[in-house]
C-alpha atoms as a PDB file:
ATOM      1  CA  UNK A   1      51.093  19.155 -31.356  1.00  0.00           C
ATOM      2  CA  UNK A   2      48.161  20.876 -32.358  1.00  0.00           C
ATOM      3  CA  UNK A   3      46.196  17.640 -33.388  1.00  0.00           C
ATOM      4  CA  UNK A   4      47.370  15.681 -30.679  1.00  0.00           C
ATOM      5  CA  UNK A   5      45.639  18.610 -28.429  1.00  0.00           C
ATOM      6  CA  UNK A   6      42.744  18.852 -30.378  1.00  0.00           C
ATOM      7  CA  UNK A   7      42.566  15.296 -30.236  1.00  0.00           C
ATOM      8  CA  UNK A   8      43.016  14.917 -26.757  1.00  0.00           C
ATOM      9  CA  UNK A   9      40.031  17.430 -25.855  1.00  0.00           C
ATOM     10  CA  UNK A  10      37.442  15.927 -27.870  1.00  0.00           C
ATOM     11  CA  UNK A  11      38.134  12.568 -26.198  1.00  0.00           C
ATOM     12  CA  UNK A  12      37.377  14.607 -22.855  1.00  0.00           C
ATOM     13  CA  UNK A  13      34.366  16.235 -24.139  1.00  0.00           C
ATOM     14  CA  UNK A  14      33.031  12.721 -25.108  1.00  0.00           C
ATOM     15  CA  UNK A  15      33.905  11.133 -21.724  1.00  0.00           C
ATOM     16  CA  UNK A  16      32.759  14.040 -20.098  1.00  0.00           C
ATOM     17  CA  UNK A  17      29.086  13.954 -21.928  1.00  0.00           C
ATOM     18  CA  UNK A  18      29.067   9.456 -22.016  1.00  0.00           C
ATOM     19  CA  UNK A  19      30.112   9.423 -18.414  1.00  0.00           C
ATOM     20  CA  UNK A  20      27.208  10.264 -16.297  1.00  0.00           C
ATOM     21  CA  UNK A  21      25.045   8.193 -18.325  1.00  0.00           C
ATOM     22  CA  UNK A  22      26.759   5.214 -17.099  1.00  0.00           C
ATOM     23  CA  UNK A  23      27.516   6.440 -13.605  1.00  0.00           C
ATOM     24  CA  UNK A  24      24.201   7.796 -12.658  1.00  0.00           C
ATOM     25  CA  UNK A  25      21.991   5.184 -10.744  1.00  0.00           C
ATOM     26  CA  UNK A  26      18.548   4.997 -11.343  1.00  0.00           C
ATOM     27  CA  UNK A  27      16.970   3.341  -8.154  1.00  0.00           C
ATOM     28  CA  UNK A  28      13.750   1.985  -8.147  1.00  0.00           C
ATOM     29  CA  UNK A  29      11.778   1.298  -4.932  1.00  0.00           C
ATOM     30  CA  UNK A  30       8.642  -0.222  -5.101  1.00  0.00           C
ATOM     31  CA  UNK A  31       6.204  -1.858  -3.037  1.00  0.00           C
ATOM     32  CA  UNK A  32       5.663  -5.795  -3.197  1.00  0.00           C
ATOM     33  CA  UNK A  33       3.527  -8.154  -2.338  1.00  0.00           C
ATOM     34  CA  UNK A  34       3.914 -11.771  -1.479  1.00  0.00           C
ATOM     35  CA  UNK A  35       2.737 -14.185   1.051  1.00  0.00           C
ATOM     36  CA  UNK A  36       3.721 -17.132   3.803  1.00  0.00           C
ATOM     37  CA  UNK A  37       0.331 -19.544   3.521  1.00  0.00           C
ATOM     38  CA  UNK A  38      -2.778 -17.620   4.179  1.00  0.00           C
ATOM     39  CA  UNK A  39      -0.863 -14.295   5.706  1.00  0.00           C
ATOM     40  CA  UNK A  40      -0.278 -11.589   2.934  1.00  0.00           C
ATOM     41  CA  UNK A  41       3.161  -9.801   3.315  1.00  0.00           C
ATOM     42  CA  UNK A  42       4.407  -6.519   2.180  1.00  0.00           C
ATOM     43  CA  UNK A  43       7.901  -5.936   1.209  1.00  0.00           C
ATOM     44  CA  UNK A  44       9.768  -3.331  -0.605  1.00  0.00           C
ATOM     45  CA  UNK A  45      12.412  -3.909  -3.728  1.00  0.00           C
ATOM     46  CA  UNK A  46      14.685  -1.796  -4.575  1.00  0.00           C
ATOM     47  CA  UNK A  47      16.861  -2.309  -7.816  1.00  0.00           C
ATOM     48  CA  UNK A  48      19.272  -0.254  -9.873  1.00  0.00           C
ATOM     49  CA  UNK A  49      17.411   0.121 -13.598  1.00  0.00           C
ATOM     50  CA  UNK A  50      20.648   0.817 -15.470  1.00  0.00           C
ATOM     51  CA  UNK A  51      22.086  -2.602 -14.252  1.00  0.00           C
ATOM     52  CA  UNK A  52      21.501  -5.228 -16.764  1.00  0.00           C
ATOM     53  CA  UNK A  53      20.619  -8.980 -15.803  1.00  0.00           C
ATOM     54  CA  UNK A  54      21.152 -10.694 -13.038  1.00  0.00           C
ATOM     55  CA  UNK A  55      22.971  -9.287  -9.585  1.00  0.00           C
ATOM     56  CA  UNK A  56      23.300 -10.361  -5.903  1.00  0.00           C
ATOM     57  CA  UNK A  57      20.344 -10.124  -3.661  1.00  0.00           C
ATOM     58  CA  UNK A  58      19.741  -8.854  -0.208  1.00  0.00           C
ATOM     59  CA  UNK A  59      17.332  -9.537   2.013  1.00  0.00           C
ATOM     60  CA  UNK A  60      16.674  -6.596   5.080  1.00  0.00           C
ATOM     61  CA  UNK A  61      14.813  -7.623   8.208  1.00  0.00           C
ATOM     62  CA  UNK A  62      13.796  -4.744  10.094  1.00  0.00           C
ATOM     63  CA  UNK A  63      13.893  -3.218  13.098  1.00  0.00           C
ATOM     64  CA  UNK A  64      11.082  -4.613  16.152  1.00  0.00           C
ATOM     65  CA  UNK A  65       9.352  -0.854  14.933  1.00  0.00           C
ATOM     66  CA  UNK A  66       8.365  -2.613  11.801  1.00  0.00           C
ATOM     67  CA  UNK A  67       8.909  -1.889   7.930  1.00  0.00           C
ATOM     68  CA  UNK A  68       9.244   1.834   8.095  1.00  0.00           C
ATOM     69  CA  UNK A  69      11.127   4.433   5.789  1.00  0.00           C
ATOM     70  CA  UNK A  70      14.418   3.514   7.904  1.00  0.00           C
ATOM     71  CA  UNK A  71      14.808   0.121   6.295  1.00  0.00           C
ATOM     72  CA  UNK A  72      13.252   1.202   2.883  1.00  0.00           C
ATOM     73  CA  UNK A  73      15.976   4.011   2.850  1.00  0.00           C
ATOM     74  CA  UNK A  74      18.918   0.824   3.862  1.00  0.00           C
ATOM     75  CA  UNK A  75      17.145  -1.243   0.699  1.00  0.00           C
ATOM     76  CA  UNK A  76      17.905   1.710  -1.678  1.00  0.00           C
ATOM     77  CA  UNK A  77      21.407   2.188  -0.672  1.00  0.00           C
ATOM     78  CA  UNK A  78      22.005  -1.370  -1.282  1.00  0.00           C
ATOM     79  CA  UNK A  79      20.383  -0.740  -4.653  1.00  0.00           C
ATOM     80  CA  UNK A  80      22.815   1.769  -5.345  1.00  0.00           C
ATOM     81  CA  UNK A  81      25.863  -0.662  -4.278  1.00  0.00           C
ATOM     82  CA  UNK A  82      24.721  -2.631  -7.294  1.00  0.00           C
ATOM     83  CA  UNK A  83      22.295  -5.248  -5.717  1.00  0.00           C
ATOM     84  CA  UNK A  84      18.642  -6.178  -5.553  1.00  0.00           C
ATOM     85  CA  UNK A  85      17.234  -5.469  -2.277  1.00  0.00           C
ATOM     86  CA  UNK A  86      14.340  -6.843  -0.408  1.00  0.00           C
ATOM     87  CA  UNK A  87      12.962  -4.997   2.793  1.00  0.00           C
ATOM     88  CA  UNK A  88      11.133  -8.077   4.266  1.00  0.00           C
ATOM     89  CA  UNK A  89       7.726  -7.683   6.135  1.00  0.00           C
ATOM     90  CA  UNK A  90       8.180  -9.981   9.358  1.00  0.00           C
ATOM     91  CA  UNK A  91       4.676  -8.624  10.887  1.00  0.00           C
ATOM     92  CA  UNK A  92       2.440  -9.286   8.115  1.00  0.00           C
ATOM     93  CA  UNK A  93       0.284  -7.000   5.844  1.00  0.00           C
ATOM     94  CA  UNK A  94       3.195  -4.060   6.808  1.00  0.00           C
ATOM     95  CA  UNK A  95       2.438  -3.447  10.491  1.00  0.00           C
ATOM     96  CA  UNK A  96       4.241  -0.551  12.047  1.00  0.00           C
ATOM     97  CA  UNK A  97       4.542   0.214  15.508  1.00  0.00           C
ATOM     98  CA  UNK A  98       4.908   3.981  16.469  1.00  0.00           C
ATOM     99  CA  UNK A  99       5.250   3.134  20.717  1.00  0.00           C
ATOM    100  CA  UNK A 100       7.378   0.785  21.962  1.00  0.00           C
ATOM    101  CA  UNK A 101       4.700  -1.508  23.710  1.00  0.00           C
ATOM    102  CA  UNK A 102       3.137  -2.696  20.240  1.00  0.00           C
ATOM    103  CA  UNK A 103       6.503  -2.972  18.703  1.00  0.00           C
ATOM    104  CA  UNK A 104       7.311  -5.624  21.634  1.00  0.00           C
ATOM    105  CA  UNK A 105       3.925  -7.173  20.753  1.00  0.00           C
ATOM    106  CA  UNK A 106       5.024  -7.158  17.343  1.00  0.00           C
ATOM    107  CA  UNK A 107       8.101  -8.991  17.941  1.00  0.00           C
ATOM    108  CA  UNK A 108       7.150 -10.969  20.657  1.00  0.00           C
ATOM    109  CA  UNK A 109       4.315 -12.531  18.231  1.00  0.00           C
ATOM    110  CA  UNK A 110       7.227 -13.540  16.145  1.00  0.00           C
ATOM    111  CA  UNK A 111      10.146 -14.856  18.163  1.00  0.00           C
ATOM    112  CA  UNK A 112       7.785 -16.774  20.674  1.00  0.00           C
ATOM    113  CA  UNK A 113       6.769 -19.081  17.470  1.00  0.00           C
ATOM    114  CA  UNK A 114       9.838 -19.759  15.715  1.00  0.00           C
ATOM    115  CA  UNK A 115       7.882 -21.413  12.961  1.00  0.00           C
ATOM    116  CA  UNK A 116       6.356 -17.757  12.351  1.00  0.00           C
ATOM    117  CA  UNK A 117       9.148 -16.209  11.941  1.00  0.00           C
ATOM    118  CA  UNK A 118      10.936 -18.986   9.936  1.00  0.00           C
ATOM    119  CA  UNK A 119       8.452 -19.041   7.729  1.00  0.00           C
ATOM    120  CA  UNK A 120       8.193 -15.421   6.467  1.00  0.00           C
ATOM    121  CA  UNK A 121      11.883 -15.193   6.348  1.00  0.00           C
ATOM    122  CA  UNK A 122      11.522 -18.337   4.286  1.00  0.00           C
ATOM    123  CA  UNK A 123       8.847 -16.482   1.972  1.00  0.00           C
ATOM    124  CA  UNK A 124      10.749 -13.686   1.488  1.00  0.00           C
ATOM    125  CA  UNK A 125      13.875 -15.213   0.205  1.00  0.00           C
ATOM    126  CA  UNK A 126      12.177 -17.204  -2.105  1.00  0.00           C
ATOM    127  CA  UNK A 127      10.082 -14.251  -3.754  1.00  0.00           C
ATOM    128  CA  UNK A 128      13.655 -12.694  -3.658  1.00  0.00           C
ATOM    129  CA  UNK A 129      15.164 -15.666  -6.009  1.00  0.00           C
ATOM    130  CA  UNK A 130      12.369 -15.402  -8.193  1.00  0.00           C
ATOM    131  CA  UNK A 131      13.011 -12.135  -9.210  1.00  0.00           C
ATOM    132  CA  UNK A 132      14.444 -11.815 -13.215  1.00  0.00           C
ATOM    133  CA  UNK A 133      17.085  -9.156 -11.881  1.00  0.00           C
ATOM    134  CA  UNK A 134      18.400 -11.925  -8.929  1.00  0.00           C
ATOM    135  CA  UNK A 135      21.060 -14.621  -9.163  1.00  0.00           C
ATOM    136  CA  UNK A 136      19.090 -16.831  -7.341  1.00  0.00           C
ATOM    137  CA  UNK A 137      22.820 -18.715  -5.840  1.00  0.00           C
ATOM    138  CA  UNK A 138      24.125 -15.211  -5.079  1.00  0.00           C
ATOM    139  CA  UNK A 139      21.667 -14.115  -1.612  1.00  0.00           C
ATOM    140  CA  UNK A 140      22.530 -12.981   1.712  1.00  0.00           C
ATOM    141  CA  UNK A 141      20.621 -11.198   4.679  1.00  0.00           C
ATOM    142  CA  UNK A 142      20.950  -8.761   7.000  1.00  0.00           C
ATOM    143  CA  UNK A 143      19.035  -7.310   9.899  1.00  0.00           C
ATOM    144  CA  UNK A 144      18.573  -4.555  12.702  1.00  0.00           C
ATOM    145  CA  UNK A 145      18.264  -5.018  16.357  1.00  0.00           C
ATOM    146  CA  UNK A 146      15.110  -7.017  16.179  1.00  0.00           C
ATOM    147  CA  UNK A 147      16.146  -8.137  12.570  1.00  0.00           C
ATOM    148  CA  UNK A 148      19.598  -8.614  13.324  1.00  0.00           C
ATOM    149  CA  UNK A 149      18.539 -11.734  15.779  1.00  0.00           C
ATOM    150  CA  UNK A 150      16.191 -13.087  12.924  1.00  0.00           C
ATOM    151  CA  UNK A 151      18.779 -13.528  10.333  1.00  0.00           C
ATOM    152  CA  UNK A 152      21.748 -14.825  12.725  1.00  0.00           C
ATOM    153  CA  UNK A 153      18.561 -17.610  13.815  1.00  0.00           C
ATOM    154  CA  UNK A 154      18.608 -18.622  10.376  1.00  0.00           C
ATOM    155  CA  UNK A 155      21.563 -18.807  10.132  1.00  0.00           C
ATOM    156  CA  UNK A 156      21.794 -21.023  12.916  1.00  0.00           C
ATOM    157  CA  UNK A 157      19.132 -23.170  11.456  1.00  0.00           C
ATOM    158  CA  UNK A 158      21.478 -23.541   8.394  1.00  0.00           C
ATOM    159  CA  UNK A 159      19.886 -21.766   5.706  1.00  0.00           C
ATOM    160  CA  UNK A 160      21.533 -21.920   2.164  1.00  0.00           C
ATOM    161  CA  UNK A 161      22.576 -18.266   1.442  1.00  0.00           C
ATOM    162  CA  UNK A 162      25.812 -16.987   1.342  1.00  0.00           C
ATOM    163  CA  UNK A 163      26.087 -14.860   4.718  1.00  0.00           C
ATOM    164  CA  UNK A 164      24.446 -12.983   6.876  1.00  0.00           C
ATOM    165  CA  UNK A 165      24.940  -9.773   8.848  1.00  0.00           C
ATOM    166  CA  UNK A 166      23.977  -8.392  11.945  1.00  0.00           C
ATOM    167  CA  UNK A 167      23.689  -4.706  12.962  1.00  0.00           C
ATOM    168  CA  UNK A 168      23.022  -3.854  16.918  1.00  0.00           C
ATOM    169  CA  UNK A 169      21.137  -7.328  16.723  1.00  0.00           C
ATOM    170  CA  UNK A 170      19.751  -9.704  19.628  1.00  0.00           C
ATOM    171  CA  UNK A 171      22.802 -12.653  20.122  1.00  0.00           C
ATOM    172  CA  UNK A 172      21.413 -15.084  22.502  1.00  0.00           C
ATOM    173  CA  UNK A 173      19.502 -18.247  21.409  1.00  0.00           C
ATOM    174  CA  UNK A 174      17.690 -21.269  23.088  1.00  0.00           C
ATOM    175  CA  UNK A 175      19.151 -23.396  20.245  1.00  0.00           C
ATOM    176  CA  UNK A 176      22.725 -23.114  19.454  1.00  0.00           C
ATOM    177  CA  UNK A 177      24.208 -23.728  16.333  1.00  0.00           C
ATOM    178  CA  UNK A 178      25.061 -27.618  15.852  1.00  0.00           C
ATOM    179  CA  UNK A 179      28.671 -28.039  14.194  1.00  0.00           C
ATOM    180  CA  UNK A 180      28.798 -28.101  10.425  1.00  0.00           C
ATOM    181  CA  UNK A 181      24.928 -26.987  10.157  1.00  0.00           C
ATOM    182  CA  UNK A 182      26.280 -23.182   9.189  1.00  0.00           C
ATOM    183  CA  UNK A 183      26.479 -22.271   5.374  1.00  0.00           C
ATOM    184  CA  UNK A 184      26.428 -18.981   5.714  1.00  0.00           C
ATOM    185  CA  UNK A 185      29.221 -16.228   6.799  1.00  0.00           C
ATOM    186  CA  UNK A 186      28.274 -14.525   9.816  1.00  0.00           C
ATOM    187  CA  UNK A 187      29.431 -10.555   9.900  1.00  0.00           C
ATOM    188  CA  UNK A 188      28.003  -9.326  13.869  1.00  0.00           C
ATOM    189  CA  UNK A 189      28.263  -5.314  14.252  1.00  0.00           C
ATOM    190  CA  UNK A 190      27.705  -4.884  17.859  1.00  0.00           C
ATOM    191  CA  UNK A 191      28.344  -1.376  19.657  1.00  0.00           C
ATOM    192  CA  UNK A 192      30.294  -1.930  22.712  1.00  0.00           C
ATOM    193  CA  UNK A 193      27.562   0.293  25.033  1.00  0.00           C
ATOM    194  CA  UNK A 194      24.526  -1.582  23.587  1.00  0.00           C
ATOM    195  CA  UNK A 195      22.682  -2.215  27.201  1.00  0.00           C
ATOM    196  CA  UNK A 196      20.525  -4.896  25.706  1.00  0.00           C
ATOM    197  CA  UNK A 197      23.325  -7.077  25.228  1.00  0.00           C
ATOM    198  CA  UNK A 198      25.438  -8.220  28.041  1.00  0.00           C
ATOM    199  CA  UNK A 199      28.985  -9.024  27.786  1.00  0.00           C
ATOM    200  CA  UNK A 200      28.113 -13.191  29.225  1.00  0.00           C
ATOM    201  CA  UNK A 201      26.160 -13.013  25.801  1.00  0.00           C
ATOM    202  CA  UNK A 202      28.852 -11.930  23.641  1.00  0.00           C
ATOM    203  CA  UNK A 203      31.186 -14.182  25.006  1.00  0.00           C
ATOM    204  CA  UNK A 204      28.474 -17.237  24.944  1.00  0.00           C
ATOM    205  CA  UNK A 205      28.004 -16.293  20.648  1.00  0.00           C
ATOM    206  CA  UNK A 206      31.931 -16.154  20.167  1.00  0.00           C
ATOM    207  CA  UNK A 207      31.516 -19.853  22.154  1.00  0.00           C
ATOM    208  CA  UNK A 208      29.005 -21.185  20.128  1.00  0.00           C
ATOM    209  CA  UNK A 209      30.205 -20.104  16.788  1.00  0.00           C
ATOM    210  CA  UNK A 210      33.803 -21.654  17.461  1.00  0.00           C
ATOM    211  CA  UNK A 211      31.832 -24.816  18.377  1.00  0.00           C
ATOM    212  CA  UNK A 212      29.789 -24.561  15.557  1.00  0.00           C
ATOM    213  CA  UNK A 213      32.906 -24.194  13.165  1.00  0.00           C
ATOM    214  CA  UNK A 214      31.181 -21.374  11.646  1.00  0.00           C
ATOM    215  CA  UNK A 215      32.841 -18.569   9.710  1.00  0.00           C
ATOM    216  CA  UNK A 216      32.497 -15.542  11.062  1.00  0.00           C
ATOM    217  CA  UNK A 217      33.438 -11.897  12.169  1.00  0.00           C
ATOM    218  CA  UNK A 218      32.383 -10.534  15.362  1.00  0.00           C
ATOM    219  CA  UNK A 219      33.143  -6.401  15.391  1.00  0.00           C
ATOM    220  CA  UNK A 220      32.286  -3.797  18.422  1.00  0.00           C
ATOM    221  CA  UNK A 221      32.259   0.016  18.083  1.00  0.00           C
ATOM    222  CA  UNK A 222      33.034   1.482  21.302  1.00  0.00           C
ATOM    223  CA  UNK A 223      30.804   4.140  22.709  1.00  0.00           C
ATOM    224  CA  UNK A 224      28.716   2.935  20.327  1.00  0.00           C
ATOM    225  CA  UNK A 225      24.743   2.473  21.779  1.00  0.00           C
ATOM    226  CA  UNK A 226      21.636  -0.002  20.668  1.00  0.00           C
ATOM    227  CA  UNK A 227      20.286   1.359  17.349  1.00  0.00           C
ATOM    228  CA  UNK A 228      23.760   3.223  16.320  1.00  0.00           C
ATOM    229  CA  UNK A 229      22.797   2.942  12.728  1.00  0.00           C
ATOM    230  CA  UNK A 230      19.373   4.462  13.033  1.00  0.00           C
ATOM    231  CA  UNK A 231      19.379   8.235  12.981  1.00  0.00           C
ATOM    232  CA  UNK A 232      15.930   8.168  14.494  1.00  0.00           C
ATOM    233  CA  UNK A 233      17.454   6.511  17.675  1.00  0.00           C
ATOM    234  CA  UNK A 234      17.974   9.864  19.226  1.00  0.00           C
ATOM    235  CA  UNK A 235      14.359  11.004  19.352  1.00  0.00           C
ATOM    236  CA  UNK A 236      13.340   7.572  20.346  1.00  0.00           C
ATOM    237  CA  UNK A 237      15.529   7.934  23.648  1.00  0.00           C
ATOM    238  CA  UNK A 238      14.301  11.128  24.232  1.00  0.00           C
ATOM    239  CA  UNK A 239      10.524  10.217  23.497  1.00  0.00           C
ATOM    240  CA  UNK A 240      10.099   7.031  25.183  1.00  0.00           C
ATOM    241  CA  UNK A 241      13.043   7.235  27.567  1.00  0.00           C
ATOM    242  CA  UNK A 242      14.566   3.987  26.079  1.00  0.00           C
ATOM    243  CA  UNK A 243      18.774   3.420  26.279  1.00  0.00           C
ATOM    244  CA  UNK A 244      19.555   3.992  22.428  1.00  0.00           C
ATOM    245  CA  UNK A 245      21.364   6.556  20.506  1.00  0.00           C
ATOM    246  CA  UNK A 246      22.874   6.957  17.037  1.00  0.00           C
ATOM    247  CA  UNK A 247      26.212   6.909  16.394  1.00  0.00           C
ATOM    248  CA  UNK A 248      27.712   8.533  13.148  1.00  0.00           C
ATOM    249  CA  UNK A 249      31.039   6.977  13.058  1.00  0.00           C
ATOM    250  CA  UNK A 250      30.242   3.856  13.906  1.00  0.00           C
ATOM    251  CA  UNK A 251      26.892   3.773  11.434  1.00  0.00           C
ATOM    252  CA  UNK A 252      29.911   4.753   8.636  1.00  0.00           C
ATOM    253  CA  UNK A 253      32.191   2.343   9.508  1.00  0.00           C
ATOM    254  CA  UNK A 254      29.897  -0.748  10.020  1.00  0.00           C
ATOM    255  CA  UNK A 255      28.409   0.143   6.552  1.00  0.00           C
ATOM    256  CA  UNK A 256      32.019   0.083   4.980  1.00  0.00           C
ATOM    257  CA  UNK A 257      32.162  -3.618   6.648  1.00  0.00           C
ATOM    258  CA  UNK A 258      28.974  -4.312   5.160  1.00  0.00           C
ATOM    259  CA  UNK A 259      30.254  -3.242   1.491  1.00  0.00           C
ATOM    260  CA  UNK A 260      33.203  -5.287   2.162  1.00  0.00           C
ATOM    261  CA  UNK A 261      31.433  -7.994   3.049  1.00  0.00           C
ATOM    262  CA  UNK A 262      29.421  -8.610   0.603  1.00  0.00           C
ATOM    263  CA  UNK A 263      32.047  -8.290  -2.063  1.00  0.00           C
ATOM    264  CA  UNK A 264      34.026 -10.896  -0.446  1.00  0.00           C
ATOM    265  CA  UNK A 265      31.063 -13.597  -0.190  1.00  0.00           C
ATOM    266  CA  UNK A 266      29.239 -12.445  -3.855  1.00  0.00           C
ATOM    267  CA  UNK A 267      32.895 -13.481  -5.780  1.00  0.00           C
ATOM    268  CA  UNK A 268      32.278 -16.090  -8.282  1.00  0.00           C
END
């Protein structure tokens, strides 16, 4: 019995010493530059250095504020989950807005010229695919608010990636998806109290997805307003009198849904 106890104690000591080295993530986040034609785009790439070899990649499309600290945080969170994440730049030169008027101008410049947004998304996709630690056959895209609308638009066009997830993103479109075109699985995470999204838009979106024979999930969180995942939303609401707000419960639950969604679509 004494020898057995000593053996167990030694094993426990070895595990205590060794396991942290394997469990602790070593996240590298860095600014990266790529191009769409002559336009310089400035993104943010994050990954775990302790993971060797290829892994799935995830694109993140920012809110209308631009590529700020919030979306960089989400990139690092995805890296901690084992993915290589690229927070992409939809505005060019890494532009950010500090006021809704500027954010609206930046976003409109992209949404009113579909070719611009599509080109910048695809440039980021190709950049991510070329990373040595990314499996180019296992890519997804997620987006917040403005970015949610972007990833849904790309899914409607038939972008060849595994899935897209929209967090409090716009649902309306002038070009509904045609049957059989959508390749990506779709996850929509919506705030039930979002004043920017109408009941009619939700109804139309669900009908569109069914008519297009899309594989989609639509989840609404009771009481959650627009931008419910962003802790800065309460500050924006107060400073600019905007109908937005952070909801910690919906934030946590929607991220858990994303975790499950990515695990499912990336299964080999």
